[in-house]
Protein backbone atom coordinates (compact mmCIF):
# COMPACT_ATOMS: atom_id res chain seq x y z
CA MET A 1 -0.73 -0.12 0.26
CA ALA A 2 1.80 3.67 -0.97
CA ARG A 3 2.35 5.96 1.09
CA ARG A 4 0.40 9.33 1.22
CA PRO A 5 2.89 12.13 0.71
CA ALA A 6 3.38 14.13 3.65
CA LEU A 7 2.13 17.83 3.33
CA ASP A 8 4.88 20.36 4.24
CA ALA A 9 5.27 23.55 6.07
CA GLN A 10 4.06 25.40 3.03
CA GLY A 11 1.33 23.30 1.75
CA ILE A 12 0.27 23.29 5.21
CA ASP A 13 0.51 27.25 5.57
CA GLN A 14 -1.59 27.74 1.62
CA ILE A 15 -4.64 25.80 3.32
CA PHE A 16 -5.03 27.71 6.21
CA GLN A 17 -4.10 31.04 4.38
CA GLN A 18 -6.87 29.81 1.78
CA THR A 19 -9.22 28.83 4.57
CA VAL A 20 -9.12 31.79 6.82
CA ALA A 21 -9.37 34.43 3.68
CA THR A 22 -12.06 32.47 1.95
CA LEU A 23 -14.24 32.49 5.84
CA SER A 24 -13.31 35.70 6.69
CA GLU A 25 -14.86 37.18 3.58
CA SER A 26 -17.59 35.35 3.71
CA ARG A 27 -18.29 36.08 7.60
CA ASP A 28 -17.64 39.82 6.82
CA GLN A 29 -19.74 40.14 4.34
CA ILE A 30 -22.48 38.79 6.17
CA TYR A 31 -22.00 40.82 9.33
CA GLY A 32 -21.73 44.13 6.99
CA ILE A 33 -25.06 43.07 5.62
CA ALA A 34 -26.60 42.34 8.77
CA GLU A 35 -25.38 45.78 9.80
CA ALA A 36 -26.46 47.44 7.45
CA ALA A 37 -30.07 45.79 6.78
CA GLN A 38 -30.13 46.71 10.95
CA THR A 39 -29.37 50.42 10.34
CA GLU A 40 -31.42 50.33 7.19
CA TYR A 41 -34.71 49.37 9.59
CA GLU A 42 -33.86 51.81 12.13
CA ARG A 43 -33.78 54.62 10.03
CA VAL A 44 -37.00 53.40 8.06
CA GLN A 45 -38.67 52.88 11.41
CA VAL A 46 -38.28 56.31 11.95
CA GLN A 47 -39.09 57.42 8.63
CA TYR A 48 -42.49 55.21 9.06
CA GLU A 49 -43.72 56.32 12.61
CA GLU A 50 -43.05 60.20 10.96
CA ILE A 51 -45.23 59.17 7.88
CA ARG A 52 -47.91 57.42 10.02
CA ARG A 53 -47.98 60.84 12.00
CA GLU A 54 -48.39 62.83 8.95
CA ALA A 55 -51.11 60.38 7.74
CA ALA A 56 -53.25 60.86 10.74
CA ALA A 57 -52.75 64.19 11.49
CA CYS A 58 -54.00 65.01 7.29
CA VAL A 59 -56.83 62.48 8.23
CA LYS A 60 -58.01 65.24 10.18
CA GLN A 61 -57.12 68.26 8.24
CA VAL A 62 -59.07 65.99 5.17
CA ASP A 63 -62.55 65.51 7.82
CA GLU A 64 -62.27 68.99 8.74
CA LEU A 65 -61.93 70.34 5.31
CA GLU A 66 -65.19 68.44 4.51
CA ARG A 67 -67.00 69.57 7.08
CA LEU A 68 -65.89 73.42 6.43
CA LEU A 69 -67.13 72.59 2.67
CA ARG A 70 -70.51 70.66 3.52
CA VAL A 71 -71.32 73.83 5.28
CA ALA A 72 -70.01 76.00 2.42
CA LYS A 73 -72.13 74.28 0.14
CA THR A 74 -75.42 74.56 1.79
CA ARG A 75 -74.58 78.11 2.82
CA LEU A 76 -74.36 78.53 -1.56
CA ALA A 77 -76.81 76.25 -2.26
CA VAL A 78 -79.67 79.02 -0.40
CA VAL A 79 -77.71 81.91 -1.98
CA ASN A 80 -78.79 80.00 -5.13
CA ARG A 81 -82.19 80.04 -3.85
CA ASP A 82 -82.54 83.31 -2.98
CA PHE A 83 -80.59 85.04 -5.46
CA GLU A 84 -81.96 87.86 -5.55
CA ARG A 85 -81.91 88.74 -1.75
CA TYR A 86 -78.31 88.74 -1.81
CA SER A 87 -75.77 91.83 -3.22
CA GLU A 88 -73.41 90.79 -5.72
CA ALA A 89 -70.32 90.70 -3.16
CA GLU A 90 -72.02 88.34 -1.32
CA ILE A 91 -72.49 86.08 -4.30
CA LYS A 92 -69.25 86.36 -5.17
CA ARG A 93 -67.70 85.57 -1.58
CA VAL A 94 -69.70 82.66 -1.29
CA TYR A 95 -68.90 81.34 -4.69
CA GLU A 96 -65.00 81.62 -3.62
CA GLU A 97 -65.39 79.95 -0.35
CA THR A 98 -66.57 77.13 -1.78
CA HIS A 99 -64.48 77.03 -4.97
CA GLU A 100 -61.04 77.60 -2.10
CA LEU A 101 -62.51 74.91 -0.19
CA GLN A 102 -62.94 72.45 -3.02
CA VAL A 103 -59.43 73.28 -3.68
CA GLN A 104 -58.31 72.33 -0.37
CA VAL A 105 -60.26 69.51 -0.12
CA ALA A 106 -58.91 67.95 -3.55
CA VAL A 107 -55.26 68.42 -2.55
CA ALA A 108 -55.39 67.16 0.99
CA ARG A 109 -57.18 63.85 0.21
CA GLU A 110 -54.13 63.87 -2.64
CA ARG A 111 -51.57 63.88 -0.19
CA GLU A 112 -53.16 61.54 2.38
CA ALA A 113 -53.50 58.84 -0.54
CA ALA A 114 -49.58 59.61 -0.99
CA LEU A 115 -48.94 59.51 2.72
CA ARG A 116 -51.05 56.31 2.85
CA ARG A 117 -49.34 54.70 0.19
CA LYS A 118 -45.56 55.60 1.09
CA ARG A 119 -46.59 54.11 4.63
CA ASP A 120 -48.05 51.25 2.93
CA GLU A 121 -43.97 51.34 0.95
CA LEU A 122 -41.95 51.75 4.37
CA GLU A 123 -44.12 48.53 6.12
CA ARG A 124 -43.29 46.55 3.44
CA SER A 125 -39.34 47.68 3.38
CA LEU A 126 -39.61 46.90 7.01
CA ARG A 127 -41.30 43.22 7.14
CA ASN A 128 -37.99 42.74 4.26
CA LEU A 129 -35.60 44.13 5.96
CA ALA A 130 -36.35 42.46 9.77
CA GLN A 131 -36.30 39.36 7.64
CA LEU A 132 -33.07 40.52 6.44
CA VAL A 133 -31.22 41.08 9.31
CA ALA A 134 -32.67 37.61 10.98
CA LYS A 135 -31.23 35.70 8.23
CA ALA A 136 -28.02 37.59 7.87
CA THR A 137 -27.36 37.40 12.19
CA HIS A 138 -28.29 33.48 11.74
CA MET A 139 -26.14 33.01 8.86
CA ALA A 140 -22.86 35.14 10.40
CA LYS A 141 -23.64 32.91 13.71
CA HIS A 142 -22.82 29.90 11.87
CA VAL A 143 -20.07 31.14 9.46
CA GLY A 144 -18.13 32.44 12.73
CA ALA A 145 -18.49 28.95 14.70
CA ALA A 146 -17.13 27.26 11.54
CA MET A 147 -14.38 29.42 11.35
CA SER A 148 -13.16 29.60 15.17
CA LEU A 149 -13.21 25.85 15.03
CA LEU A 150 -11.82 25.37 11.39
CA VAL A 151 -9.18 27.93 11.98
CA GLY A 152 -8.67 26.52 15.94
CA ASN A 153 -7.84 23.24 14.53
CA LEU A 154 -5.58 24.24 11.63
CA GLU A 155 -3.81 26.60 14.72
CA ASP A 156 -2.92 23.41 16.30
CA ALA A 157 -1.84 21.33 13.72
CA LEU A 158 0.43 24.64 12.96
CA GLU A 159 2.03 25.24 16.13
CA THR A 160 3.82 21.25 15.55
CA ILE A 161 5.59 22.83 12.12
CA ASP A 162 8.51 25.08 12.70
CA SER A 163 8.71 27.52 9.50
CA LEU A 164 5.35 29.51 10.68
CA GLN A 165 6.67 32.86 10.47
CA LYS A 166 4.42 33.88 8.03
CA LYS A 167 1.19 33.18 10.41
CA SER A 168 2.07 36.77 11.93
CA VAL A 169 2.26 38.42 8.55
CA LEU A 170 -1.16 36.80 6.82
CA ALA A 171 -2.52 37.79 10.53
CA THR A 172 -1.87 41.15 10.49
CA ARG A 173 -2.66 41.50 6.81
CA ILE A 174 -6.42 39.90 7.05
CA ILE A 175 -7.08 42.54 10.18
CA GLN A 176 -5.16 45.59 7.92
CA ALA A 177 -7.37 44.23 4.86
CA GLN A 178 -10.69 44.19 6.89
CA GLU A 179 -10.06 47.39 8.35
CA ASP A 180 -9.39 49.00 5.16
CA GLU A 181 -11.94 47.65 3.74
CA ARG A 182 -14.09 48.61 6.22
CA ARG A 183 -13.26 52.10 6.00
CA ARG A 184 -13.66 52.21 2.52
CA VAL A 185 -17.54 51.27 2.59
CA ALA A 186 -18.03 53.41 5.44
CA ARG A 187 -16.72 56.15 3.32
CA ASP A 188 -18.25 55.45 0.35
CA ILE A 189 -21.89 54.99 2.22
CA HIS A 190 -21.05 58.53 3.91
CA ASP A 191 -19.99 60.83 0.87
CA GLY A 192 -22.95 58.98 -1.42
CA PRO A 193 -26.22 57.54 -0.39
CA ALA A 194 -25.66 59.10 3.31
CA GLN A 195 -25.56 62.16 1.73
CA ALA A 196 -28.13 62.16 -1.33
CA MET A 197 -31.08 60.38 1.43
CA ALA A 198 -29.98 64.19 4.10
CA ASN A 199 -30.86 65.76 0.38
CA VAL A 200 -33.99 64.05 -0.41
CA VAL A 201 -35.02 64.72 2.86
CA LEU A 202 -34.64 67.99 2.13
CA ARG A 203 -36.33 68.35 -0.94
CA ALA A 204 -39.33 66.08 0.43
CA GLU A 205 -39.91 69.49 3.08
CA ILE A 206 -39.66 71.27 -0.05
CA CYS A 207 -42.27 69.71 -1.53
CA GLU A 208 -44.22 69.31 1.45
CA ARG A 209 -44.47 73.24 1.66
CA LEU A 210 -45.30 74.13 -1.98
CA LEU A 211 -48.30 71.59 -2.01
CA ASN A 212 -50.50 74.33 -1.56
CA GLY A 213 -48.77 76.69 -3.53
CA ASN A 214 -47.65 77.09 -7.15
CA ARG A 215 -47.58 73.83 -8.60
CA GLN A 216 -45.06 74.55 -11.43
CA ASP A 217 -42.06 75.05 -8.47
CA LEU A 218 -43.63 71.81 -7.14
CA ALA A 219 -43.24 70.24 -10.10
CA ASN A 220 -39.85 71.55 -10.76
CA GLU A 221 -38.57 69.90 -7.50
CA LEU A 222 -40.29 66.44 -7.88
CA VAL A 223 -38.01 66.36 -10.83
CA GLN A 224 -34.77 67.21 -8.50
CA LEU A 225 -36.07 64.49 -6.10
CA LYS A 226 -36.29 62.02 -8.31
CA SER A 227 -32.92 62.83 -10.06
CA MET A 228 -31.60 62.63 -6.63
CA VAL A 229 -32.91 59.38 -5.14
CA LYS A 230 -31.57 58.06 -8.61
CA GLU A 231 -28.48 59.10 -8.14
CA ALA A 232 -28.43 57.60 -4.39
CA LEU A 233 -29.37 54.37 -6.38
CA VAL A 234 -26.82 54.01 -8.73
CA ASP A 235 -24.18 54.88 -5.59
CA VAL A 236 -25.71 52.03 -3.77
CA ARG A 237 -25.66 49.95 -6.55
CA ARG A 238 -21.94 50.24 -6.94
CA ILE A 239 -20.98 49.76 -3.37
CA ILE A 240 -22.62 46.40 -3.50
CA PHE A 241 -21.00 45.78 -6.85
CA ASP A 242 -17.51 46.49 -5.15
CA LEU A 243 -18.36 44.41 -2.33
CA ARG A 244 -19.42 41.59 -4.22
CA PRO A 245 -20.75 41.59 -7.89
CA MET A 246 -23.73 39.65 -7.81
CA ALA A 247 -23.67 38.83 -11.90
CA LEU A 248 -20.30 36.66 -10.72
CA ASP A 249 -22.44 33.80 -9.31
CA ASP A 250 -25.18 34.49 -11.58
CA LEU A 251 -23.84 34.48 -15.08
CA GLY A 252 -20.29 34.04 -14.62
CA LEU A 253 -17.03 35.77 -15.12
CA VAL A 254 -17.10 36.91 -18.67
CA PRO A 255 -20.46 38.69 -18.47
CA THR A 256 -19.44 40.16 -15.28
CA VAL A 257 -16.54 41.43 -16.80
CA ARG A 258 -18.37 43.10 -19.62
CA ARG A 259 -20.63 44.79 -17.45
CA PHE A 260 -17.90 46.17 -15.26
CA ILE A 261 -16.01 47.75 -18.77
CA GLU A 262 -19.20 49.01 -19.49
CA SER A 263 -19.72 50.57 -16.22
CA VAL A 264 -15.73 52.05 -16.54
CA LYS A 265 -16.52 53.48 -20.18
CA GLU A 266 -19.85 55.27 -19.09
CA ASP A 267 -17.74 56.85 -16.39
CA ALA A 268 -14.74 57.84 -17.97
CA ASP A 269 -13.20 58.71 -21.38
CA ILE A 270 -11.47 55.43 -21.77
CA ASP A 271 -11.27 53.38 -25.08
CA VAL A 272 -11.77 49.46 -22.98
CA GLU A 273 -11.90 46.69 -24.86
CA LEU A 274 -12.50 43.30 -24.21
CA ILE A 275 -11.03 40.14 -26.16
CA VAL A 276 -11.97 36.52 -25.03
CA LEU A 277 -10.02 33.53 -26.44
CA GLY A 278 -10.67 29.66 -26.16
CA LYS A 279 -14.22 28.25 -25.27
CA GLU A 280 -16.24 30.35 -22.43
CA LYS A 281 -17.05 28.19 -19.53
CA ARG A 282 -18.09 28.63 -15.92
CA LEU A 283 -15.15 28.12 -13.32
CA LEU A 284 -14.75 27.71 -9.66
CA SER A 285 -15.82 30.59 -7.70
CA THR A 286 -12.58 31.39 -6.02
CA VAL A 287 -10.74 31.02 -9.44
CA GLU A 288 -13.68 33.50 -11.28
CA VAL A 289 -13.45 35.77 -7.99
CA THR A 290 -9.62 36.37 -8.25
CA ILE A 291 -9.30 36.78 -11.86
CA PHE A 292 -12.58 39.14 -11.57
CA ARG A 293 -10.50 41.53 -8.88
CA LEU A 294 -7.50 41.13 -10.77
CA ILE A 295 -8.86 43.03 -13.72
CA GLN A 296 -10.97 45.10 -11.57
CA GLU A 297 -7.97 46.22 -9.77
CA ALA A 298 -5.38 46.68 -12.83
CA ILE A 299 -8.42 48.64 -14.36
CA ASN A 300 -9.06 51.37 -11.65
CA ASN A 301 -4.91 51.23 -10.85
CA ALA A 302 -4.83 52.88 -14.73
CA ARG A 303 -8.15 55.26 -14.21
CA LYS A 304 -6.61 56.57 -10.98
CA HIS A 305 -2.90 56.65 -11.98
CA ALA A 306 -1.92 55.96 -15.29
CA ASP A 307 -4.00 58.49 -17.33
CA PRO A 308 -4.76 55.97 -20.11
CA ASN A 309 -6.47 56.35 -23.80
CA ARG A 310 -6.97 53.07 -24.32
CA ILE A 311 -7.14 49.75 -21.94
CA LEU A 312 -7.05 46.25 -23.86
CA VAL A 313 -8.14 43.06 -21.42
CA ARG A 314 -7.76 39.80 -22.95
CA LEU A 315 -9.25 36.52 -21.63
CA GLU A 316 -8.20 33.06 -22.90
CA PHE A 317 -9.65 29.72 -21.40
CA THR A 318 -7.87 26.70 -22.27
CA GLU A 319 -8.15 23.16 -21.13
CA ASN A 320 -6.52 23.49 -17.77
CA GLN A 321 -6.48 27.11 -17.60
CA ILE A 322 -7.57 30.45 -17.52
CA ASN A 323 -5.40 33.15 -18.98
CA MET A 324 -6.15 37.27 -18.05
CA GLN A 325 -4.00 40.05 -19.55
CA VAL A 326 -4.93 43.74 -18.83
CA GLU A 327 -2.34 45.86 -21.05
CA ASP A 328 -2.92 50.16 -20.89
CA ASP A 329 -1.27 53.08 -22.75
CA GLY A 330 -1.01 55.12 -19.48
CA VAL A 331 2.10 56.80 -18.40
CA GLY A 332 3.55 53.29 -16.41
CA PHE A 333 5.56 53.17 -13.27
CA ASP A 334 8.64 51.73 -11.58
CA VAL A 335 7.29 47.92 -10.47
CA GLU A 336 10.12 47.71 -7.71
CA ASP A 337 9.76 50.39 -6.53
CA ALA A 338 5.87 49.97 -6.03
CA ARG A 339 6.50 46.71 -4.18
CA GLN A 340 8.94 48.14 -1.94
CA ARG A 341 6.60 50.55 -0.82
CA ALA A 342 3.40 47.93 -0.94
CA LYS A 343 6.27 45.98 1.45
CA TYR A 344 6.10 48.45 3.98
CA GLY A 345 3.34 50.36 3.89
CA SER A 346 -0.79 49.67 4.17
CA HIS A 347 -2.16 49.71 0.94
CA TYR A 348 -1.48 46.36 -1.43
CA GLY A 349 -3.64 46.66 -4.75
CA LEU A 350 -2.69 44.41 -7.01
CA MET A 351 1.03 43.54 -5.09
CA SER A 352 -1.23 41.61 -3.07
CA MET A 353 -3.48 40.10 -5.86
CA GLY A 354 -0.48 38.16 -6.38
CA GLU A 355 -0.58 36.35 -2.54
CA ARG A 356 -4.01 35.07 -3.75
CA VAL A 357 -3.31 33.91 -7.24
CA ASP A 358 -0.32 31.99 -5.20
CA LEU A 359 -2.86 30.23 -2.98
CA LEU A 360 -4.54 29.27 -6.29
CA GLY A 361 -1.49 27.79 -7.71
CA GLY A 362 -1.11 30.70 -10.59
CA ASP A 363 1.32 33.20 -11.41
CA LEU A 364 1.49 37.05 -11.70
CA LYS A 365 3.50 39.31 -13.36
CA ILE A 366 3.20 43.11 -13.63
CA LEU A 367 5.24 44.21 -15.96
CA SER A 368 5.48 48.26 -16.36
CA ALA A 369 8.37 51.47 -17.03
CA ARG A 370 7.70 55.16 -16.59
CA GLY A 371 6.27 56.37 -20.16
CA GLU A 372 5.61 52.83 -21.54
CA GLY A 373 2.12 51.96 -20.08
CA THR A 374 1.62 48.83 -18.06
CA THR A 375 0.86 44.92 -18.26
CA VAL A 376 -0.87 43.08 -15.60
CA VAL A 377 -0.32 39.39 -16.86
CA ALA A 378 -2.30 36.41 -14.84
CA SER A 379 -2.55 32.55 -15.39
CA ILE A 380 -4.71 30.25 -12.30
CA PRO A 381 -5.06 26.32 -13.07
CA ILE A 382 -8.44 26.16 -13.51
CA ASN A 383 -9.44 23.38 -10.90
CA SER A 384 -6.99 25.08 -8.46
CA GLY A 385 -9.79 26.09 -6.53
CA GLU A 386 -11.02 22.36 -5.40
């Protein structure tokens, strides 16, 4: 009976890194979803209570206006019946009062209907958010328990091996990456959707004040309000896409890359082209995520630092591996200098992606020089994620 080859320290350490990184990413994303859902639930709850109070007050206002309108209509009927007994000024005043009350009743009813619709929408949102919080919290507990158990077992095994110097570095980078990502998401939400929502509330208050005023001013404010909501929705979708592109799970690597490239072309005046070679197919999730993040990081770096006119992305599917290349005609940079700064700094970018590629048994090369553009090349075995 043949003996199984013993795992060396490097093999065990790679397993540890891959497992912890995957579980940490999943757990943090689930916790992030739960926290965001809870925050949104509390915000919607406050908004719901405000709308509910406004709706109740509006109902009372409609009832009072309708009572006044009935009185005015009775007075108008008396005037019409004894038309000759009243002066022209009295008749005009009765007609105008009745007409004004009819307008006020119509506006109040329309506002009441809008408040009721908004209240019903918020009730549905609260129910959905409550379900999301419960599910995300439940999943996070299970993932956290599994991670604690698995990491504990792996650490027990690693303690028997001498070459564990990289373990502390790995832990530090995981913690740093988590904190960096949390800061980025918090900053994106604060600078984007949070500011937009504050502006939406302000515009909504302006619209409320204009309900009984100039209809054209109200229409203009509503147009601006709609535009702000659309912009906020775009920001939220971008943040969600940065956390985890759902299209990656649903459609696969190539459609997700195409969608990302289209968004880049819409946002920036850069010619971005995608070339796909070989027979396109679905890959293991770890491989697809790594390739997509490499493309995303390379393109974003080019946009921020290289000032390119054109970016070319190549994806090649072979029988045993997938090859990726991102090439831009920007200003380029000193690769060795960037490696040294990444080694001692707190931001890793493409350099840190090399560690993930190494875990999957692949190879990553970054070719660049000042004034000569940049090319990022990666090859990953298709079954490396198993």
